[in-house]
Amino acid sequence: MRAIFLYAVLSVVSFLLHLVWEKLHIVLYTGYETLEGALPVYLYATIGDVFYTLLVVLTIAFVRRNITWIMNLRIRDYATLALVGLVVAIFVEGKARVYGRWEYTDAMPTLWGFGLSPLIQMTVLLPLSVYISVVVARWIQGYNSTS
Protein backbone atom coordinates (compact mmCIF):
# COMPACT_ATOMS: atom_id res chain seq x y z
CA MET A 1 0.00 0.00 0.00
CA ARG A 2 2.87 2.36 0.79
CA ALA A 3 4.31 1.98 -2.74
CA ILE A 4 0.96 2.70 -4.41
CA PHE A 5 0.57 5.83 -2.31
CA LEU A 6 4.13 6.93 -3.07
CA TYR A 7 3.69 6.51 -6.83
CA ALA A 8 0.31 8.26 -6.71
CA VAL A 9 2.00 11.25 -5.05
CA LEU A 10 4.79 11.10 -7.63
CA SER A 11 2.23 11.09 -10.44
CA VAL A 12 0.42 14.14 -9.08
CA VAL A 13 3.59 16.10 -8.32
CA SER A 14 5.11 15.25 -11.69
CA PHE A 15 1.87 16.17 -13.47
CA LEU A 16 1.69 19.58 -11.79
CA LEU A 17 5.35 20.47 -12.38
CA HIS A 18 5.30 19.37 -16.02
CA LEU A 19 1.93 21.03 -16.67
CA VAL A 20 3.29 24.40 -15.60
CA TRP A 21 6.44 23.89 -17.67
CA GLU A 22 4.55 22.74 -20.78
CA LYS A 23 2.06 25.60 -20.54
CA LEU A 24 4.82 28.20 -20.21
CA HIS A 25 7.06 26.74 -22.92
CA ILE A 26 4.49 25.79 -25.58
CA VAL A 27 5.22 29.11 -27.31
CA LEU A 28 8.69 27.77 -28.19
CA TYR A 29 7.18 25.12 -30.49
CA THR A 30 5.39 25.16 -33.82
CA GLY A 31 3.86 22.50 -36.00
CA TYR A 32 2.31 20.68 -33.05
CA GLU A 33 -1.14 21.99 -33.95
CA THR A 34 -1.86 18.79 -35.92
CA LEU A 35 -1.48 16.89 -32.63
CA GLU A 36 -4.46 18.70 -31.07
CA GLY A 37 -7.25 16.36 -30.04
CA ALA A 38 -9.88 16.37 -27.34
CA LEU A 39 -7.38 18.04 -25.00
CA PRO A 40 -4.90 20.86 -25.59
CA VAL A 41 -1.53 19.55 -26.79
CA TYR A 42 0.25 20.71 -23.62
CA LEU A 43 -1.93 18.30 -21.61
CA TYR A 44 -0.96 15.40 -23.86
CA ALA A 45 2.68 16.43 -23.47
CA THR A 46 2.26 16.58 -19.68
CA ILE A 47 0.75 13.10 -19.60
CA GLY A 48 3.71 11.86 -21.64
CA ASP A 49 6.11 13.54 -19.20
CA VAL A 50 4.45 11.78 -16.27
CA PHE A 51 4.62 8.48 -18.16
CA TYR A 52 8.37 8.89 -18.74
CA THR A 53 8.92 9.91 -15.11
CA LEU A 54 7.13 6.80 -13.84
CA LEU A 55 8.87 4.62 -16.43
CA VAL A 56 12.31 5.79 -15.29
CA VAL A 57 11.58 5.45 -11.57
CA LEU A 58 9.88 2.05 -11.95
CA THR A 59 12.65 0.74 -14.21
CA ILE A 60 15.25 1.66 -11.61
CA ALA A 61 13.02 0.08 -8.93
CA PHE A 62 12.92 -3.12 -10.99
CA VAL A 63 16.70 -3.15 -11.41
CA ARG A 64 17.23 -2.48 -7.70
CA ARG A 65 14.42 -4.87 -6.72
CA ASN A 66 13.10 -2.23 -4.36
CA ILE A 67 9.84 -0.50 -5.28
CA THR A 68 10.28 2.21 -2.64
CA TRP A 69 13.94 2.96 -3.43
CA ILE A 70 13.19 6.66 -3.88
CA MET A 71 12.48 7.03 -0.17
CA ASN A 72 16.22 6.86 0.61
CA LEU A 73 18.02 8.77 -2.10
CA ARG A 74 21.51 10.18 -2.02
CA ILE A 75 22.98 12.95 -4.15
CA ARG A 76 24.29 10.47 -6.71
CA ASP A 77 20.77 9.06 -7.11
CA TYR A 78 19.44 12.51 -7.96
CA ALA A 79 22.33 12.98 -10.38
CA THR A 80 21.46 9.65 -12.00
CA LEU A 81 17.83 10.70 -12.33
CA ALA A 82 18.93 13.97 -13.92
CA LEU A 83 21.19 12.17 -16.38
CA VAL A 84 18.49 9.66 -17.30
CA GLY A 85 16.05 12.57 -17.65
CA LEU A 86 18.41 14.16 -20.16
CA VAL A 87 18.63 10.90 -22.11
CA VAL A 88 14.83 10.63 -22.13
CA ALA A 89 14.52 14.21 -23.40
CA ILE A 90 17.01 13.55 -26.20
CA PHE A 91 15.08 10.39 -27.13
CA VAL A 92 11.70 12.17 -27.17
CA GLU A 93 13.00 15.17 -29.10
CA GLY A 94 14.88 12.96 -31.54
CA LYS A 95 11.79 10.83 -32.14
CA ALA A 96 9.72 13.97 -32.70
CA ARG A 97 12.28 15.24 -35.18
CA VAL A 98 12.30 11.94 -37.13
CA TYR A 99 8.49 11.81 -37.30
CA GLY A 100 8.04 15.57 -37.83
CA ARG A 101 5.77 15.95 -34.78
CA TRP A 102 6.84 19.52 -34.05
CA GLU A 103 9.51 22.10 -34.71
CA TYR A 104 11.07 24.86 -32.69
CA THR A 105 10.35 28.53 -33.14
CA ASP A 106 13.27 30.94 -33.53
CA ALA A 107 12.84 31.78 -29.84
CA MET A 108 13.87 28.24 -28.76
CA PRO A 109 17.56 28.07 -27.84
CA THR A 110 19.07 24.84 -29.12
CA LEU A 111 22.01 22.64 -28.22
CA TRP A 112 23.22 20.18 -30.87
CA GLY A 113 19.91 20.71 -32.68
CA PHE A 114 17.80 19.84 -29.65
CA GLY A 115 15.60 22.39 -27.91
CA LEU A 116 17.17 23.53 -24.66
CA SER A 117 13.80 23.85 -22.93
CA PRO A 118 12.88 20.13 -23.10
CA LEU A 119 16.44 19.10 -22.24
CA ILE A 120 16.36 21.22 -19.11
CA GLN A 121 12.79 20.17 -18.35
CA MET A 122 13.42 16.45 -17.98
CA THR A 123 16.89 16.92 -16.51
CA VAL A 124 15.52 19.14 -13.72
CA LEU A 125 11.89 18.13 -13.26
CA LEU A 126 12.40 14.37 -13.08
CA PRO A 127 14.63 14.46 -9.98
CA LEU A 128 12.71 17.44 -8.58
CA SER A 129 9.43 15.51 -8.92
CA VAL A 130 10.95 12.62 -7.00
CA TYR A 131 12.36 14.88 -4.28
CA ILE A 132 9.10 16.79 -3.74
CA SER A 133 7.10 13.54 -3.81
CA VAL A 134 9.23 11.99 -1.09
CA VAL A 135 8.88 15.12 1.07
CA VAL A 136 5.11 15.20 0.54
CA ALA A 137 4.69 11.45 1.12
CA ARG A 138 6.69 11.61 4.35
CA TRP A 139 4.72 14.64 5.51
CA ILE A 140 1.36 13.00 4.78
CA GLN A 141 2.39 9.69 6.34
CA GLY A 142 3.67 11.52 9.41
CA TYR A 143 0.43 13.49 9.54
CA ASN A 144 -1.67 10.33 9.26
CA SER A 145 0.32 8.45 11.88
CA THR A 146 -0.38 11.14 14.49
CA SER A 147 -4.12 11.15 13.86
C-alpha atoms as a PDB file:
ATOM      1  CA  MET A   1       0.000   0.000   0.000  1.00  0.00           C
ATOM      2  CA  ARG A   2       2.869   2.359   0.787  1.00  0.00           C
ATOM      3  CA  ALA A   3       4.309   1.980  -2.737  1.00  0.00           C
ATOM      4  CA  ILE A   4       0.961   2.700  -4.414  1.00  0.00           C
ATOM      5  CA  PHE A   5       0.572   5.832  -2.314  1.00  0.00           C
ATOM      6  CA  LEU A   6       4.130   6.926  -3.071  1.00  0.00           C
ATOM      7  CA  TYR A   7       3.685   6.512  -6.829  1.00  0.00           C
ATOM      8  CA  ALA A   8       0.315   8.265  -6.710  1.00  0.00           C
ATOM      9  CA  VAL A   9       1.996  11.249  -5.047  1.00  0.00           C
ATOM     10  CA  LEU A  10       4.788  11.098  -7.629  1.00  0.00           C
ATOM     11  CA  SER A  11       2.232  11.088 -10.441  1.00  0.00           C
ATOM     12  CA  VAL A  12       0.421  14.143  -9.084  1.00  0.00           C
ATOM     13  CA  VAL A  13       3.587  16.101  -8.321  1.00  0.00           C
ATOM     14  CA  SER A  14       5.107  15.249 -11.692  1.00  0.00           C
ATOM     15  CA  PHE A  15       1.872  16.174 -13.469  1.00  0.00           C
ATOM     16  CA  LEU A  16       1.695  19.582 -11.787  1.00  0.00           C
ATOM     17  CA  LEU A  17       5.352  20.473 -12.385  1.00  0.00           C
ATOM     18  CA  HIS A  18       5.296  19.367 -16.021  1.00  0.00           C
ATOM     19  CA  LEU A  19       1.933  21.027 -16.669  1.00  0.00           C
ATOM     20  CA  VAL A  20       3.288  24.405 -15.601  1.00  0.00           C
ATOM     21  CA  TRP A  21       6.444  23.892 -17.674  1.00  0.00           C
ATOM     22  CA  GLU A  22       4.554  22.741 -20.780  1.00  0.00           C
ATOM     23  CA  LYS A  23       2.060  25.599 -20.544  1.00  0.00           C
ATOM     24  CA  LEU A  24       4.825  28.203 -20.207  1.00  0.00           C
ATOM     25  CA  HIS A  25       7.057  26.736 -22.916  1.00  0.00           C
ATOM     26  CA  ILE A  26       4.493  25.791 -25.577  1.00  0.00           C
ATOM     27  CA  VAL A  27       5.215  29.109 -27.312  1.00  0.00           C
ATOM     28  CA  LEU A  28       8.688  27.774 -28.194  1.00  0.00           C
ATOM     29  CA  TYR A  29       7.178  25.121 -30.495  1.00  0.00           C
ATOM     30  CA  THR A  30       5.385  25.160 -33.818  1.00  0.00           C
ATOM     31  CA  GLY A  31       3.860  22.497 -36.002  1.00  0.00           C
ATOM     32  CA  TYR A  32       2.312  20.682 -33.046  1.00  0.00           C
ATOM     33  CA  GLU A  33      -1.144  21.988 -33.954  1.00  0.00           C
ATOM     34  CA  THR A  34      -1.861  18.787 -35.915  1.00  0.00           C
ATOM     35  CA  LEU A  35      -1.485  16.887 -32.630  1.00  0.00           C
ATOM     36  CA  GLU A  36      -4.456  18.695 -31.068  1.00  0.00           C
ATOM     37  CA  GLY A  37      -7.252  16.363 -30.043  1.00  0.00           C
ATOM     38  CA  ALA A  38      -9.880  16.370 -27.337  1.00  0.00           C
ATOM     39  CA  LEU A  39      -7.378  18.039 -25.002  1.00  0.00           C
ATOM     40  CA  PRO A  40      -4.897  20.858 -25.589  1.00  0.00           C
ATOM     41  CA  VAL A  41      -1.531  19.546 -26.789  1.00  0.00           C
ATOM     42  CA  TYR A  42       0.250  20.709 -23.622  1.00  0.00           C
ATOM     43  CA  LEU A  43      -1.932  18.296 -21.607  1.00  0.00           C
ATOM     44  CA  TYR A  44      -0.957  15.404 -23.864  1.00  0.00           C
ATOM     45  CA  ALA A  45       2.681  16.429 -23.467  1.00  0.00           C
ATOM     46  CA  THR A  46       2.259  16.577 -19.685  1.00  0.00           C
ATOM     47  CA  ILE A  47       0.746  13.098 -19.600  1.00  0.00           C
ATOM     48  CA  GLY A  48       3.714  11.856 -21.639  1.00  0.00           C
ATOM     49  CA  ASP A  49       6.109  13.535 -19.201  1.00  0.00           C
ATOM     50  CA  VAL A  50       4.450  11.781 -16.266  1.00  0.00           C
ATOM     51  CA  PHE A  51       4.622   8.477 -18.164  1.00  0.00           C
ATOM     52  CA  TYR A  52       8.368   8.886 -18.735  1.00  0.00           C
ATOM     53  CA  THR A  53       8.920   9.914 -15.107  1.00  0.00           C
ATOM     54  CA  LEU A  54       7.133   6.804 -13.842  1.00  0.00           C
ATOM     55  CA  LEU A  55       8.874   4.618 -16.432  1.00  0.00           C
ATOM     56  CA  VAL A  56      12.312   5.786 -15.285  1.00  0.00           C
ATOM     57  CA  VAL A  57      11.576   5.446 -11.572  1.00  0.00           C
ATOM     58  CA  LEU A  58       9.885   2.052 -11.950  1.00  0.00           C
ATOM     59  CA  THR A  59      12.654   0.735 -14.213  1.00  0.00           C
ATOM     60  CA  ILE A  60      15.252   1.662 -11.612  1.00  0.00           C
ATOM     61  CA  ALA A  61      13.021   0.083  -8.932  1.00  0.00           C
ATOM     62  CA  PHE A  62      12.922  -3.119 -10.987  1.00  0.00           C
ATOM     63  CA  VAL A  63      16.700  -3.148 -11.411  1.00  0.00           C
ATOM     64  CA  ARG A  64      17.230  -2.480  -7.701  1.00  0.00           C
ATOM     65  CA  ARG A  65      14.420  -4.869  -6.724  1.00  0.00           C
ATOM     66  CA  ASN A  66      13.096  -2.229  -4.365  1.00  0.00           C
ATOM     67  CA  ILE A  67       9.837  -0.501  -5.282  1.00  0.00           C
ATOM     68  CA  THR A  68      10.280   2.215  -2.638  1.00  0.00           C
ATOM     69  CA  TRP A  69      13.937   2.958  -3.433  1.00  0.00           C
ATOM     70  CA  ILE A  70      13.190   6.659  -3.885  1.00  0.00           C
ATOM     71  CA  MET A  71      12.484   7.030  -0.167  1.00  0.00           C
ATOM     72  CA  ASN A  72      16.224   6.856   0.610  1.00  0.00           C
ATOM     73  CA  LEU A  73      18.023   8.768  -2.098  1.00  0.00           C
ATOM     74  CA  ARG A  74      21.512  10.184  -2.023  1.00  0.00           C
ATOM     75  CA  ILE A  75      22.984  12.955  -4.147  1.00  0.00           C
ATOM     76  CA  ARG A  76      24.290  10.474  -6.711  1.00  0.00           C
ATOM     77  CA  ASP A  77      20.767   9.064  -7.107  1.00  0.00           C
ATOM     78  CA  TYR A  78      19.441  12.512  -7.965  1.00  0.00           C
ATOM     79  CA  ALA A  79      22.330  12.982 -10.379  1.00  0.00           C
ATOM     80  CA  THR A  80      21.461   9.647 -11.997  1.00  0.00           C
ATOM     81  CA  LEU A  81      17.827  10.703 -12.328  1.00  0.00           C
ATOM     82  CA  ALA A  82      18.934  13.972 -13.921  1.00  0.00           C
ATOM     83  CA  LEU A  83      21.194  12.169 -16.383  1.00  0.00           C
ATOM     84  CA  VAL A  84      18.491   9.657 -17.300  1.00  0.00           C
ATOM     85  CA  GLY A  85      16.046  12.566 -17.654  1.00  0.00           C
ATOM     86  CA  LEU A  86      18.413  14.165 -20.156  1.00  0.00           C
ATOM     87  CA  VAL A  87      18.630  10.903 -22.114  1.00  0.00           C
ATOM     88  CA  VAL A  88      14.825  10.629 -22.133  1.00  0.00           C
ATOM     89  CA  ALA A  89      14.521  14.210 -23.403  1.00  0.00           C
ATOM     90  CA  ILE A  90      17.008  13.547 -26.200  1.00  0.00           C
ATOM     91  CA  PHE A  91      15.078  10.387 -27.134  1.00  0.00           C
ATOM     92  CA  VAL A  92      11.699  12.168 -27.173  1.00  0.00           C
ATOM     93  CA  GLU A  93      12.997  15.175 -29.101  1.00  0.00           C
ATOM     94  CA  GLY A  94      14.880  12.963 -31.544  1.00  0.00           C
ATOM     95  CA  LYS A  95      11.792  10.827 -32.138  1.00  0.00           C
ATOM     96  CA  ALA A  96       9.715  13.966 -32.695  1.00  0.00           C
ATOM     97  CA  ARG A  97      12.279  15.236 -35.179  1.00  0.00           C
ATOM     98  CA  VAL A  98      12.298  11.940 -37.134  1.00  0.00           C
ATOM     99  CA  TYR A  99       8.488  11.813 -37.305  1.00  0.00           C
ATOM    100  CA  GLY A 100       8.039  15.572 -37.829  1.00  0.00           C
ATOM    101  CA  ARG A 101       5.771  15.952 -34.782  1.00  0.00           C
ATOM    102  CA  TRP A 102       6.836  19.523 -34.047  1.00  0.00           C
ATOM    103  CA  GLU A 103       9.506  22.098 -34.713  1.00  0.00           C
ATOM    104  CA  TYR A 104      11.066  24.861 -32.688  1.00  0.00           C
ATOM    105  CA  THR A 105      10.349  28.535 -33.142  1.00  0.00           C
ATOM    106  CA  ASP A 106      13.269  30.936 -33.527  1.00  0.00           C
ATOM    107  CA  ALA A 107      12.839  31.782 -29.835  1.00  0.00           C
ATOM    108  CA  MET A 108      13.874  28.245 -28.760  1.00  0.00           C
ATOM    109  CA  PRO A 109      17.555  28.067 -27.843  1.00  0.00           C
ATOM    110  CA  THR A 110      19.074  24.841 -29.118  1.00  0.00           C
ATOM    111  CA  LEU A 111      22.010  22.639 -28.218  1.00  0.00           C
ATOM    112  CA  TRP A 112      23.217  20.179 -30.867  1.00  0.00           C
ATOM    113  CA  GLY A 113      19.914  20.712 -32.684  1.00  0.00           C
ATOM    114  CA  PHE A 114      17.800  19.842 -29.648  1.00  0.00           C
ATOM    115  CA  GLY A 115      15.599  22.393 -27.910  1.00  0.00           C
ATOM    116  CA  LEU A 116      17.174  23.532 -24.665  1.00  0.00           C
ATOM    117  CA  SER A 117      13.801  23.852 -22.929  1.00  0.00           C
ATOM    118  CA  PRO A 118      12.884  20.131 -23.103  1.00  0.00           C
ATOM    119  CA  LEU A 119      16.444  19.101 -22.244  1.00  0.00           C
ATOM    120  CA  ILE A 120      16.359  21.224 -19.110  1.00  0.00           C
ATOM    121  CA  GLN A 121      12.786  20.169 -18.354  1.00  0.00           C
ATOM    122  CA  MET A 122      13.419  16.447 -17.980  1.00  0.00           C
ATOM    123  CA  THR A 123      16.895  16.924 -16.507  1.00  0.00           C
ATOM    124  CA  VAL A 124      15.525  19.137 -13.721  1.00  0.00           C
ATOM    125  CA  LEU A 125      11.885  18.129 -13.262  1.00  0.00           C
ATOM    126  CA  LEU A 126      12.400  14.367 -13.083  1.00  0.00           C
ATOM    127  CA  PRO A 127      14.634  14.459  -9.981  1.00  0.00           C
ATOM    128  CA  LEU A 128      12.714  17.436  -8.583  1.00  0.00           C
ATOM    129  CA  SER A 129       9.435  15.513  -8.923  1.00  0.00           C
ATOM    130  CA  VAL A 130      10.953  12.620  -6.999  1.00  0.00           C
ATOM    131  CA  TYR A 131      12.363  14.883  -4.283  1.00  0.00           C
ATOM    132  CA  ILE A 132       9.104  16.786  -3.742  1.00  0.00           C
ATOM    133  CA  SER A 133       7.098  13.541  -3.815  1.00  0.00           C
ATOM    134  CA  VAL A 134       9.234  11.991  -1.088  1.00  0.00           C
ATOM    135  CA  VAL A 135       8.880  15.119   1.070  1.00  0.00           C
ATOM    136  CA  VAL A 136       5.106  15.204   0.541  1.00  0.00           C
ATOM    137  CA  ALA A 137       4.694  11.453   1.121  1.00  0.00           C
ATOM    138  CA  ARG A 138       6.694  11.614   4.346  1.00  0.00           C
ATOM    139  CA  TRP A 139       4.725  14.639   5.514  1.00  0.00           C
ATOM    140  CA  ILE A 140       1.355  13.002   4.780  1.00  0.00           C
ATOM    141  CA  GLN A 141       2.386   9.691   6.345  1.00  0.00           C
ATOM    142  CA  GLY A 142       3.667  11.523   9.415  1.00  0.00           C
ATOM    143  CA  TYR A 143       0.431  13.494   9.545  1.00  0.00           C
ATOM    144  CA  ASN A 144      -1.667  10.333   9.256  1.00  0.00           C
ATOM    145  CA  SER A 145       0.321   8.450  11.881  1.00  0.00           C
ATOM    146  CA  THR A 146      -0.377  11.138  14.495  1.00  0.00           C
ATOM    147  CA  SER A 147      -4.119  11.147  13.857  1.00  0.00           C
END
